[in-house]
Amino acid sequence: MPETGPSWSVLTLRHVRRYISGSSAVMMTAFFAIVYALASMLLGGMIVLGNVRGGYTVLILSRGGAWQPSWNYPGLLIIAPWGVVSLPWFQTLAMILVSIGVGIGMSVAVLLSVALVRSRRATTSTPAAAGAVAGLTPAMISLVTLGACCSTTLAASAGVAVVAQVSGSTAANLILNNWYLGVFQVAVVWMALVAQELLLRVYGGLFGLGAPSAAPLPRLDRRFLAGTALRIALLAGGVTWSLAMVAEWTTTSPFQATGATWFRWIFEHQLVAFLAMFAAFAPSGTFHTLLEAFRRRSGWILRGGLLIAGLCLLLWVPPPASGWGIEGFGNELAAVLGAPASWGGVSPVYGPGLSLYVRWGLQYLLLSLFALLAACAPEVAFRPLLWTVGPARVGPGSADLRNTPDLSEGTPGPGTSGSPHPGSP
């Protein structure tokens, strides 16, 4: 999962689009997108096949009552002899966006797999293999939640259940507020495509995009695998924890939320989640940005925010703040152990089991500990992540990194000359 500096071209997937158009794979992208859209609509209940008497009828539906969800309208209803097609407004938009993302990801995966087969040189096999996996990521995510964004009935209960598990909500609540299912799938597929874009920006020359890339490759060893696993965990935890705030909007209106609830959403959710996502996407860039920020007088604001957010998310928040909505891992653990609300116990979304333990480990513990380490000792927090970055990708200001003990093998210390070992990340 290589990196580059943030820019509008990254967000708009410029290199991915150039790679597809330059490889004449537009029709392949459209094919994958159409196939995924049809499968999602069938599983989600937008298309119901069967024998219907009569001819063709096309109706434009408008909102007919205050109780009806506004995000479903205007809608299109098509009745045909072979079945019924219902196209609510937002679910249809989300389905189109997700299908396009899956088509792009699948096409890039195929193209990079072909590049891997054609070129077996050691210098290109690693990024090509990583690129193929990165290309498949949007498709794998979308297949797990297939039909969720199109859900108009309980037909997509499997995909809805997956989204509910990682968002800290329930399947019944998400079906009632099915706009969130579309938001969730669009967000995670787009995040996967951004990771794919970053890979092509770094190793584009190896895949036929512009001049050959001069980016040195990190050595594939245990440290690289451990750092990669941490980046994946931070990205998964950050994305799902950030979207968990949006899931809470299905039960708590953001326009009627209290100040304590907004404190939890901003600090405990978004601050730690965005730090984790930026660190996963661009470890060296995020590392040096934090170092530069901490050197300024105003840096204490960011450091203090990370400390407060990390401590609240990790430890026990005393009442009455816990009753206002500010709570952490310690409060939920206390409730599971039998502590009442008067002692700060906050009942978790799930009962004891795998779902709860994954939520605690991936979202509460991992994100809070990373935020605290980033605030107190950024070199320690980012050291495993930087094992996955080639030595020339460290970026400006890397003297702070090179002088960190044991950060890489063969790194010269202060006052010495030399260069890092060629294979050291």
Protein backbone atom coordinates (compact mmCIF):
# COMPACT_ATOMS: atom_id res chain seq x y z
CA MET A 1 0.00 0.00 0.00
CA PRO A 2 2.39 2.70 -1.14
CA GLU A 3 1.77 6.36 -0.68
CA THR A 4 2.04 9.81 -2.09
CA GLY A 5 1.15 13.33 -1.05
CA PRO A 6 -2.55 14.17 -0.86
CA SER A 7 -3.96 15.97 -3.89
CA TRP A 8 -7.15 16.35 -5.83
CA SER A 9 -5.86 13.94 -8.46
CA VAL A 10 -5.62 11.20 -5.82
CA LEU A 11 -9.21 11.74 -4.75
CA THR A 12 -10.41 11.69 -8.36
CA LEU A 13 -8.38 8.55 -9.20
CA ARG A 14 -6.52 10.16 -12.09
CA HIS A 15 -3.87 7.45 -12.48
CA VAL A 16 -6.40 4.64 -12.22
CA ARG A 17 -8.54 6.21 -14.93
CA ARG A 18 -5.48 6.79 -17.13
CA TYR A 19 -4.39 3.20 -16.65
CA ILE A 20 -7.78 1.85 -17.70
CA SER A 21 -8.17 4.15 -20.71
CA GLY A 22 -4.56 3.60 -21.80
CA SER A 23 -5.09 -0.16 -21.66
CA SER A 24 -8.33 0.05 -23.70
CA ALA A 25 -10.20 -1.57 -20.83
CA VAL A 26 -13.20 0.75 -20.73
CA MET A 27 -15.56 -1.91 -22.06
CA MET A 28 -14.23 -4.43 -19.54
CA THR A 29 -14.90 -1.91 -16.76
CA ALA A 30 -18.44 -1.39 -18.02
CA PHE A 31 -18.99 -5.17 -18.20
CA PHE A 32 -17.92 -5.72 -14.57
CA ALA A 33 -20.01 -2.75 -13.43
CA ILE A 34 -23.15 -3.98 -15.21
CA VAL A 35 -22.77 -7.53 -13.92
CA TYR A 36 -22.30 -6.32 -10.34
CA ALA A 37 -25.25 -3.91 -10.63
CA LEU A 38 -27.59 -6.64 -11.87
CA ALA A 39 -26.47 -9.08 -9.16
CA SER A 40 -26.84 -6.40 -6.48
CA MET A 41 -30.31 -5.41 -7.70
CA LEU A 42 -31.48 -9.02 -7.77
CA LEU A 43 -30.17 -9.77 -4.29
CA GLY A 44 -31.28 -6.44 -2.84
CA GLY A 45 -34.83 -6.68 -4.11
CA MET A 46 -34.75 -3.92 -6.72
CA ILE A 47 -35.48 -6.54 -9.38
CA VAL A 48 -38.04 -9.25 -8.62
CA LEU A 49 -38.49 -11.81 -11.38
CA GLY A 50 -41.81 -13.56 -11.93
CA ASN A 51 -44.87 -13.81 -14.12
CA VAL A 52 -46.94 -10.61 -13.96
CA ARG A 53 -50.18 -10.29 -15.86
CA GLY A 54 -50.64 -7.32 -18.15
CA GLY A 55 -48.27 -5.30 -20.25
CA TYR A 56 -45.59 -2.78 -19.35
CA THR A 57 -46.28 -0.03 -16.79
CA VAL A 58 -43.86 2.75 -15.84
CA LEU A 59 -44.65 4.90 -12.80
CA ILE A 60 -42.76 7.82 -11.28
CA LEU A 61 -43.31 7.69 -7.52
CA SER A 62 -43.41 10.77 -5.31
CA ARG A 63 -43.47 11.04 -1.55
CA GLY A 64 -47.04 10.48 -0.42
CA GLY A 65 -46.84 10.81 3.36
CA ALA A 66 -44.76 12.30 6.15
CA TRP A 67 -43.81 8.84 7.43
CA GLN A 68 -42.26 7.73 4.18
CA PRO A 69 -38.44 8.10 4.01
CA SER A 70 -37.53 11.11 1.90
CA TRP A 71 -34.38 9.44 0.48
CA ASN A 72 -36.55 6.96 -1.47
CA TYR A 73 -38.20 9.63 -3.60
CA PRO A 74 -38.57 10.40 -6.40
CA GLY A 75 -38.53 6.77 -7.46
CA LEU A 76 -39.22 4.75 -10.57
CA LEU A 77 -41.41 1.65 -10.66
CA ILE A 78 -41.45 -0.59 -13.74
CA ILE A 79 -43.93 -3.45 -14.00
CA ALA A 80 -43.32 -5.91 -16.84
CA PRO A 81 -44.56 -9.39 -17.76
CA TRP A 82 -41.26 -10.85 -16.52
CA GLY A 83 -41.09 -9.04 -13.16
CA VAL A 84 -40.96 -5.78 -11.24
CA VAL A 85 -38.16 -3.20 -11.08
CA SER A 86 -38.21 -0.64 -8.25
CA LEU A 87 -35.64 2.16 -8.28
CA PRO A 88 -35.71 4.34 -5.14
CA TRP A 89 -33.69 7.51 -5.62
CA PHE A 90 -30.77 7.27 -3.19
CA GLN A 91 -30.40 3.49 -3.29
CA THR A 92 -30.22 3.65 -7.07
CA LEU A 93 -27.58 6.38 -6.95
CA ALA A 94 -25.51 4.42 -4.42
CA MET A 95 -25.83 1.24 -6.48
CA ILE A 96 -24.57 3.03 -9.59
CA LEU A 97 -21.57 4.52 -7.76
CA VAL A 98 -20.65 1.22 -6.09
CA SER A 99 -21.00 -0.68 -9.37
CA ILE A 100 -18.70 1.79 -11.14
CA GLY A 101 -16.16 1.40 -8.35
CA VAL A 102 -16.31 -2.38 -8.54
CA GLY A 103 -15.92 -2.25 -12.32
CA ILE A 104 -12.84 -0.04 -12.00
CA GLY A 105 -11.30 -2.20 -9.28
CA MET A 106 -11.91 -5.46 -11.12
CA SER A 107 -10.53 -4.09 -14.39
CA VAL A 108 -7.35 -2.84 -12.73
CA ALA A 109 -6.99 -6.20 -10.96
CA VAL A 110 -7.19 -8.03 -14.28
CA LEU A 111 -4.72 -5.64 -15.96
CA LEU A 112 -2.20 -5.89 -13.14
CA SER A 113 -2.55 -9.68 -13.04
CA VAL A 114 -1.72 -9.77 -16.75
CA ALA A 115 1.29 -7.52 -16.07
CA LEU A 116 2.40 -9.93 -13.34
CA VAL A 117 2.22 -12.90 -15.69
CA ARG A 118 4.06 -11.11 -18.50
CA SER A 119 6.88 -9.83 -16.32
CA ARG A 120 8.49 -12.14 -13.79
CA ARG A 121 11.48 -9.97 -12.98
CA ALA A 122 12.17 -9.61 -9.28
CA THR A 123 11.95 -5.82 -9.47
CA THR A 124 8.39 -5.87 -10.70
CA SER A 125 6.86 -8.96 -9.19
CA THR A 126 6.30 -7.45 -5.76
CA PRO A 127 4.42 -4.30 -6.82
CA ALA A 128 2.50 -6.16 -9.52
CA ALA A 129 1.32 -8.78 -7.04
CA ALA A 130 0.44 -6.06 -4.53
CA GLY A 131 -1.34 -4.15 -7.26
CA ALA A 132 -3.43 -7.16 -8.22
CA VAL A 133 -4.52 -7.60 -4.61
CA ALA A 134 -5.23 -3.87 -4.31
CA GLY A 135 -7.29 -4.03 -7.47
CA LEU A 136 -9.39 -6.86 -6.11
CA THR A 137 -10.03 -5.05 -2.82
CA PRO A 138 -13.05 -3.01 -4.00
CA ALA A 139 -14.61 -6.13 -5.46
CA MET A 140 -13.98 -8.22 -2.34
CA ILE A 141 -15.49 -5.54 -0.08
CA SER A 142 -18.52 -5.18 -2.32
CA LEU A 143 -19.09 -8.92 -2.66
CA VAL A 144 -19.18 -9.26 1.13
CA THR A 145 -21.95 -6.63 1.31
CA LEU A 146 -23.52 -7.51 -2.05
CA GLY A 147 -27.04 -6.10 -2.34
CA ALA A 148 -26.87 -4.05 0.85
CA CYS A 149 -27.03 -0.64 -0.84
CA CYS A 150 -29.99 -1.82 -2.95
CA SER A 151 -31.88 -3.31 -0.03
CA THR A 152 -35.60 -2.62 -0.28
CA THR A 153 -36.57 -5.79 1.58
CA LEU A 154 -34.94 -8.36 3.85
CA ALA A 155 -33.48 -10.07 0.77
CA ALA A 156 -30.07 -8.57 1.45
CA SER A 157 -30.04 -9.54 5.13
CA ALA A 158 -26.58 -11.13 4.84
CA GLY A 159 -24.98 -7.97 3.46
CA VAL A 160 -26.94 -5.78 5.85
CA ALA A 161 -25.80 -7.91 8.78
CA VAL A 162 -22.15 -7.42 7.80
CA VAL A 163 -22.57 -3.65 7.61
CA ALA A 164 -24.39 -3.63 10.95
CA GLN A 165 -21.65 -5.66 12.62
CA VAL A 166 -18.83 -3.27 11.63
CA SER A 167 -20.89 -0.12 12.21
CA GLY A 168 -22.14 -0.87 15.70
CA SER A 169 -25.78 -0.93 14.68
CA THR A 170 -28.47 -3.54 14.05
CA ALA A 171 -29.76 -5.01 10.79
CA ALA A 172 -33.32 -3.93 11.59
CA ASN A 173 -32.23 -0.34 12.19
CA LEU A 174 -30.22 -0.20 8.96
CA ILE A 175 -33.07 -1.63 6.90
CA LEU A 176 -35.34 1.04 8.38
CA ASN A 177 -32.69 3.68 7.58
CA ASN A 178 -31.35 2.12 4.41
CA TRP A 179 -29.67 5.34 3.24
CA TYR A 180 -26.75 4.40 5.48
CA LEU A 181 -26.15 1.14 3.62
CA GLY A 182 -25.49 3.10 0.45
CA VAL A 183 -23.25 5.58 2.24
CA PHE A 184 -21.26 2.74 3.79
CA GLN A 185 -20.63 0.86 0.57
CA VAL A 186 -19.77 3.99 -1.42
CA ALA A 187 -17.29 5.07 1.27
CA VAL A 188 -15.45 1.76 1.63
CA VAL A 189 -15.25 1.12 -2.11
CA TRP A 190 -13.91 4.63 -2.69
CA MET A 191 -11.32 4.15 0.06
CA ALA A 192 -10.16 0.94 -1.62
CA LEU A 193 -9.88 2.72 -4.96
CA VAL A 194 -7.83 5.51 -3.35
CA ALA A 195 -5.40 2.85 -2.09
CA GLN A 196 -5.23 1.52 -5.62
CA GLU A 197 -4.57 5.03 -6.95
CA LEU A 198 -1.71 5.54 -4.50
CA LEU A 199 -0.09 2.30 -5.64
CA LEU A 200 -0.23 3.31 -9.29
CA ARG A 201 1.17 6.77 -8.50
CA VAL A 202 4.25 5.18 -6.92
CA TYR A 203 4.77 2.17 -9.20
CA GLY A 204 3.02 3.48 -12.31
CA GLY A 205 6.15 3.19 -14.43
CA LEU A 206 6.24 -0.53 -13.76
CA PHE A 207 2.70 -0.85 -15.09
CA GLY A 208 3.17 1.25 -18.22
CA LEU A 209 2.09 4.60 -16.78
CA GLY A 210 4.62 7.24 -17.76
CA ALA A 211 8.33 7.04 -17.01
CA PRO A 212 9.71 4.06 -15.11
CA SER A 213 9.31 4.44 -11.41
CA ALA A 214 12.44 5.05 -9.37
CA ALA A 215 10.73 4.15 -6.10
CA PRO A 216 12.86 1.60 -4.27
CA LEU A 217 10.99 -1.40 -2.98
CA PRO A 218 10.99 -2.37 0.69
CA ARG A 219 12.39 -5.77 1.50
CA LEU A 220 9.75 -8.48 1.86
CA ASP A 221 10.48 -9.76 5.36
CA ARG A 222 8.72 -10.18 8.69
CA ARG A 223 8.88 -6.47 9.47
CA PHE A 224 7.29 -5.61 6.14
CA LEU A 225 4.48 -8.13 6.73
CA ALA A 226 3.91 -6.89 10.29
CA GLY A 227 3.81 -3.26 9.17
CA THR A 228 1.44 -4.11 6.32
CA ALA A 229 -0.87 -5.95 8.70
CA LEU A 230 -0.91 -2.91 10.99
CA ARG A 231 -1.70 -0.58 8.09
CA ILE A 232 -4.59 -2.80 7.03
CA ALA A 233 -5.91 -2.95 10.59
CA LEU A 234 -5.65 0.83 11.02
CA LEU A 235 -7.43 1.42 7.72
CA ALA A 236 -10.21 -1.04 8.51
CA GLY A 237 -10.65 0.29 12.03
CA GLY A 238 -10.48 3.92 10.94
CA VAL A 239 -12.99 3.61 8.10
CA THR A 240 -15.54 1.59 10.08
CA TRP A 241 -15.16 3.74 13.21
CA SER A 242 -15.65 6.92 11.21
CA LEU A 243 -18.75 5.48 9.53
CA ALA A 244 -20.02 4.29 12.91
CA MET A 245 -20.68 7.96 13.72
CA VAL A 246 -22.85 8.20 10.61
CA ALA A 247 -24.64 5.00 11.71
CA GLU A 248 -25.53 6.71 14.98
CA TRP A 249 -27.32 9.37 12.95
CA THR A 250 -29.94 6.73 12.14
CA THR A 251 -31.05 6.89 15.79
CA THR A 252 -29.77 10.32 16.93
CA SER A 253 -30.39 13.31 14.71
CA PRO A 254 -27.22 15.41 14.34
CA PHE A 255 -29.40 18.53 14.51
CA GLN A 256 -30.73 17.54 17.94
CA ALA A 257 -27.57 16.01 19.41
CA THR A 258 -26.15 17.40 22.64
CA GLY A 259 -22.72 18.97 23.04
CA ALA A 260 -21.45 15.81 24.73
CA THR A 261 -22.58 13.71 21.80
CA TRP A 262 -20.85 16.03 19.36
CA PHE A 263 -17.70 15.85 21.51
CA ARG A 264 -17.78 12.06 21.16
CA TRP A 265 -18.40 12.23 17.44
CA ILE A 266 -15.64 14.76 16.74
CA PHE A 267 -12.91 13.60 19.12
CA GLU A 268 -13.55 9.94 19.91
CA HIS A 269 -14.72 9.06 16.42
CA GLN A 270 -13.39 11.33 13.68
CA LEU A 271 -10.08 12.57 15.12
CA VAL A 272 -8.70 9.13 15.93
CA ALA A 273 -10.30 7.56 12.83
CA PHE A 274 -8.82 10.09 10.40
CA LEU A 275 -5.40 9.81 12.04
CA ALA A 276 -5.55 6.03 11.53
CA MET A 277 -6.68 6.36 7.91
CA PHE A 278 -4.02 8.94 7.01
CA ALA A 279 -1.35 6.84 8.73
CA ALA A 280 -2.46 3.74 6.82
CA PHE A 281 -2.55 5.49 3.45
CA ALA A 282 0.55 7.68 3.85
CA PRO A 283 2.67 6.72 6.89
CA SER A 284 5.77 8.82 6.21
CA GLY A 285 3.78 11.86 5.08
CA THR A 286 1.54 11.69 8.14
CA PHE A 287 4.53 11.09 10.40
CA HIS A 288 6.41 14.18 9.22
CA THR A 289 3.25 16.29 9.22
CA LEU A 290 2.75 15.43 12.89
CA LEU A 291 6.38 16.20 13.69
CA GLU A 292 6.13 19.59 12.00
CA ALA A 293 2.85 20.34 13.76
CA PHE A 294 4.22 19.39 17.16
CA ARG A 295 7.19 21.74 16.70
CA ARG A 296 4.87 24.74 16.42
CA ARG A 297 3.40 26.51 19.41
CA SER A 298 -0.07 25.68 18.18
CA GLY A 299 0.86 22.01 18.01
CA TRP A 300 -0.23 21.52 21.60
CA ILE A 301 -3.84 21.79 20.40
CA LEU A 302 -3.47 18.78 18.10
CA ARG A 303 -1.41 16.86 20.64
CA GLY A 304 -3.92 17.64 23.39
CA GLY A 305 -6.84 16.64 21.20
CA LEU A 306 -5.24 13.29 20.42
CA LEU A 307 -4.47 12.70 24.10
CA ILE A 308 -8.01 13.53 25.21
CA ALA A 309 -9.60 11.48 22.45
CA GLY A 310 -7.31 8.50 23.05
CA LEU A 311 -7.79 8.52 26.82
CA CYS A 312 -11.58 8.86 26.60
CA LEU A 313 -11.81 6.06 24.07
CA LEU A 314 -9.46 3.77 25.98
CA LEU A 315 -10.27 4.38 29.65
CA TRP A 316 -13.31 4.67 31.88
CA VAL A 317 -15.21 7.96 31.72
CA PRO A 318 -16.88 8.73 35.07
CA PRO A 319 -20.55 9.61 35.39
CA PRO A 320 -22.39 11.81 34.64
CA ALA A 321 -20.29 12.25 31.45
CA SER A 322 -20.76 8.57 30.60
CA GLY A 323 -24.51 9.07 30.73
CA TRP A 324 -24.25 12.02 28.36
CA GLY A 325 -22.72 9.86 25.63
CA ILE A 326 -18.98 10.23 26.32
CA GLU A 327 -17.76 6.71 26.90
CA GLY A 328 -14.90 4.38 26.12
CA PHE A 329 -13.68 0.83 26.28
CA GLY A 330 -13.51 0.92 30.08
CA ASN A 331 -17.18 1.89 30.37
CA GLU A 332 -18.35 -0.94 28.14
CA LEU A 333 -16.06 -3.42 29.89
CA ALA A 334 -17.46 -2.29 33.24
CA ALA A 335 -21.03 -2.85 32.02
CA VAL A 336 -20.17 -6.34 30.74
CA LEU A 337 -18.66 -7.13 34.15
CA GLY A 338 -21.90 -6.01 35.83
CA ALA A 339 -21.26 -2.37 36.76
CA PRO A 340 -24.45 -0.23 36.78
CA ALA A 341 -24.84 3.07 34.95
CA SER A 342 -24.33 4.93 38.23
CA TRP A 343 -20.77 3.57 38.22
CA GLY A 344 -20.16 4.54 34.62
CA GLY A 345 -21.19 1.30 32.96
CA VAL A 346 -22.39 1.70 29.36
CA SER A 347 -24.02 -1.29 27.70
CA PRO A 348 -22.25 -2.18 24.43
CA VAL A 349 -24.12 -2.58 21.18
CA TYR A 350 -23.48 -6.34 21.14
CA GLY A 351 -23.46 -8.94 23.86
CA PRO A 352 -20.24 -10.81 24.73
CA GLY A 353 -19.02 -12.63 21.66
CA LEU A 354 -16.84 -12.36 18.59
CA SER A 355 -18.55 -9.21 17.26
CA LEU A 356 -18.00 -7.34 20.50
CA TYR A 357 -14.39 -8.47 20.88
CA VAL A 358 -13.53 -7.49 17.29
CA ARG A 359 -15.16 -4.11 17.86
CA TRP A 360 -13.19 -3.58 21.06
CA GLY A 361 -9.90 -4.70 19.55
CA LEU A 362 -10.08 -3.08 16.11
CA GLN A 363 -11.84 0.17 16.98
CA TYR A 364 -11.53 0.98 20.68
CA LEU A 365 -8.14 -0.44 21.64
CA LEU A 366 -6.17 -0.15 18.38
CA LEU A 367 -7.30 3.36 17.47
CA SER A 368 -7.01 4.77 20.99
CA LEU A 369 -3.55 3.31 21.62
CA PHE A 370 -2.31 4.52 18.24
CA ALA A 371 -3.64 8.04 18.92
CA LEU A 372 -1.98 8.13 22.34
CA LEU A 373 1.35 6.88 20.96
CA ALA A 374 1.18 9.35 18.07
CA ALA A 375 0.66 12.19 20.54
CA CYS A 376 3.35 11.12 23.03
CA ALA A 377 5.91 9.26 20.89
CA PRO A 378 5.20 9.52 17.17
CA GLU A 379 8.47 7.76 16.29
CA VAL A 380 7.32 4.68 18.18
CA ALA A 381 3.79 4.79 16.76
CA PHE A 382 4.89 5.08 13.14
CA ARG A 383 7.95 2.83 13.26
CA PRO A 384 6.13 -0.39 12.19
CA LEU A 385 4.27 1.51 9.45
CA LEU A 386 7.49 2.90 8.01
CA TRP A 387 8.88 -0.62 7.66
CA THR A 388 6.56 -0.92 4.63
CA VAL A 389 7.95 2.19 2.89
CA GLY A 390 11.02 2.18 0.65
CA PRO A 391 13.98 4.23 1.95
CA ALA A 392 13.58 6.96 -0.66
CA ARG A 393 9.89 7.37 0.15
CA VAL A 394 10.52 8.70 3.63
CA GLY A 395 10.19 12.27 2.41
CA PRO A 396 11.43 15.60 3.72
CA GLY A 397 12.63 15.98 7.23
CA SER A 398 13.71 12.37 7.43
CA ALA A 399 16.61 13.19 9.71
CA ASP A 400 14.27 12.74 12.68
CA LEU A 401 13.44 9.28 11.41
CA ARG A 402 16.98 8.22 10.63
CA ASN A 403 18.17 9.21 14.08
CA THR A 404 15.53 7.03 15.73
CA PRO A 405 17.29 4.01 17.24
CA ASP A 406 16.67 0.63 15.61
CA LEU A 407 14.34 2.11 13.02
CA SER A 408 16.12 0.44 10.13
CA GLU A 409 19.09 -1.82 9.73
CA GLY A 410 22.39 -0.24 8.84
CA THR A 411 21.19 3.31 9.42
CA PRO A 412 24.02 5.66 10.32
CA GLY A 413 23.66 7.47 13.60
CA PRO A 414 24.15 11.16 14.22
CA GLY A 415 27.56 12.43 13.26
CA THR A 416 28.40 9.45 11.03
CA SER A 417 28.44 9.08 7.32
CA GLY A 418 27.09 6.37 5.13
CA SER A 419 23.78 5.26 3.74
CA PRO A 420 21.15 2.81 4.82
CA HIS A 421 21.33 -0.76 3.73
CA PRO A 422 19.82 -1.01 0.25
CA GLY A 423 17.20 -3.47 1.35
CA SER A 424 16.18 -1.69 4.51
CA PRO A 425 12.73 -0.11 4.52
